[in-house]
Protein backbone atom coordinates (compact mmCIF):
# COMPACT_ATOMS: atom_id res chain seq x y z
CA MET A 1 0.01 -0.01 0.01
CA HIS A 2 1.61 3.19 -1.20
CA ILE A 3 -0.73 5.66 0.61
CA LYS A 4 0.21 6.96 3.93
CA VAL A 5 -1.44 9.40 6.57
CA ASP A 6 -1.00 13.15 5.76
CA ASP A 7 -0.46 12.36 1.91
CA ILE A 8 -2.23 14.62 -0.56
CA VAL A 9 -4.47 12.46 -2.80
CA GLN A 10 -6.86 13.04 -5.80
CA VAL A 11 -10.16 11.24 -5.83
CA ILE A 12 -10.65 9.85 -9.31
CA SER A 13 -14.16 8.43 -9.10
CA GLY A 14 -17.33 9.07 -7.21
CA GLU A 15 -19.36 12.13 -6.21
CA ASP A 16 -16.36 14.21 -4.86
CA LYS A 17 -13.61 14.42 -7.37
CA VAL A 18 -11.29 16.68 -5.41
CA ARG A 19 -7.97 16.65 -3.72
CA GLY A 20 -7.65 16.11 0.01
CA ARG A 21 -5.41 15.03 2.83
CA VAL A 22 -5.40 11.42 4.07
CA LEU A 23 -6.71 11.39 7.63
CA LYS A 24 -6.61 7.60 8.23
CA VAL A 25 -5.61 4.49 6.40
CA LEU A 26 -7.72 1.24 7.03
CA ARG A 27 -5.31 -1.42 5.83
CA ASP A 28 -7.51 -4.45 6.59
CA GLU A 29 -10.41 -3.04 4.50
CA ASN A 30 -8.30 -1.40 1.71
CA ARG A 31 -9.92 1.97 2.37
CA VAL A 32 -8.85 5.50 3.22
CA ILE A 33 -10.62 8.46 4.96
CA VAL A 34 -9.86 11.65 3.08
CA GLU A 35 -10.47 15.06 4.54
CA GLY A 36 -13.75 16.66 3.22
CA VAL A 37 -14.73 13.58 0.96
CA ASN A 38 -17.67 11.41 1.42
CA ARG A 39 -19.32 13.25 4.30
CA VAL A 40 -22.33 11.89 6.06
CA TYR A 41 -24.52 13.16 8.91
CA ARG A 42 -24.53 11.15 12.22
CA HIS A 43 -27.58 12.07 14.31
CA ILE A 44 -26.70 12.32 17.96
CA ARG A 45 -29.27 11.88 20.68
CA ARG A 46 -29.34 14.33 23.68
CA SER A 47 -27.25 13.08 26.68
CA GLN A 48 -25.22 14.50 29.50
CA LYS A 49 -22.10 14.49 27.24
CA ASN A 50 -24.03 16.18 24.38
CA PRO A 51 -26.88 18.06 25.94
CA GLN A 52 -28.03 19.69 22.71
CA GLY A 53 -27.94 16.62 20.40
CA GLY A 54 -28.20 17.30 16.66
CA ARG A 55 -26.29 16.32 13.53
CA LEU A 56 -22.57 15.58 13.37
CA SER A 57 -20.93 15.73 10.00
CA LYS A 58 -18.09 13.25 9.49
CA GLU A 59 -16.01 11.68 6.73
CA MET A 60 -16.61 7.91 5.83
CA PRO A 61 -13.96 5.69 4.19
CA ILE A 62 -13.63 5.34 0.40
CA SER A 63 -11.90 2.67 -1.52
CA LEU A 64 -8.09 2.84 -1.91
CA SER A 65 -8.69 2.11 -5.72
CA ASN A 66 -10.48 5.44 -6.04
CA VAL A 67 -7.57 7.63 -5.07
CA LEU A 68 -4.24 8.55 -6.68
CA LEU A 69 -1.33 10.01 -4.76
CA VAL A 70 -0.42 13.59 -5.89
CA CYS A 71 3.35 13.87 -6.61
CA THR A 72 5.06 16.68 -4.79
CA SER A 73 7.40 17.69 -7.54
CA CYS A 74 5.20 17.56 -10.69
CA ASN A 75 1.87 18.34 -8.77
CA GLN A 76 0.09 15.62 -10.75
CA PRO A 77 -1.98 12.68 -9.57
CA THR A 78 0.21 9.63 -10.44
CA ARG A 79 0.72 5.95 -9.80
CA THR A 80 3.58 5.08 -7.31
CA GLY A 81 6.27 2.46 -7.30
CA ALA A 82 8.84 1.33 -4.88
CA ARG A 83 12.53 1.01 -5.38
CA PHE A 84 15.70 0.38 -3.35
CA LYS A 85 18.12 3.25 -2.95
CA ASP A 86 21.93 2.79 -3.15
CA ASP A 87 22.29 2.69 0.78
CA GLY A 88 19.66 -0.03 0.94
CA GLY A 89 16.69 2.17 1.92
CA LYS A 90 13.28 1.78 0.27
CA GLU A 91 11.42 4.65 -1.13
CA ARG A 92 8.30 5.68 -3.04
CA PHE A 93 8.63 7.28 -6.49
CA CYS A 94 6.49 8.97 -9.04
CA LYS A 95 5.97 6.90 -12.23
CA LYS A 96 5.50 10.08 -14.28
CA CYS A 97 8.55 12.12 -13.39
CA GLY A 98 10.57 9.46 -11.48
CA SER A 99 11.27 11.63 -8.41
CA ALA A 100 11.30 10.30 -4.89
CA ILE A 101 8.13 10.96 -2.84
CA GLY A 102 9.04 9.47 0.58
CA VAL A 103 10.86 6.75 2.45
CA ILE A 104 9.14 3.41 3.05
CA ALA A 105 11.88 1.60 5.14
CA PRO A 106 15.25 2.73 6.41
CA ALA A 107 18.46 1.59 5.11
CA HIS A 108 19.39 -2.04 5.42
CA LYS A 109 22.91 -3.41 4.53
CA SER A 110 21.55 -6.60 2.82
CA HIS A 111 19.86 -4.40 0.09
CA ALA A 112 22.67 -1.96 -0.40
CA HIS A 113 24.55 -1.76 -3.78
CA LYS A 114 28.07 -2.85 -3.58
């Protein structure tokens, strides 16, 4: 899974085709919660904790296949890949421009180039 929390993603299908920040990644369900996307109302009953009650607007998860990561250098929604660096670390990279997006795993000497 090449999407992490606080990444900027582009929603490519559905009602809200906008860019947003990833709030939470649900790995077991292959879903993500994106800020401002797929908002629903949750009706809250009056209680001591919430004396007024009312409607709470919250984001619901969307499928991971409906989002693309936005590259920080070319500012385009793109597919991502993973590659090993020379020191043995693993990083994400943009398939359009080839630039590094972020580190996946720290350097490990068994994957280092000699």
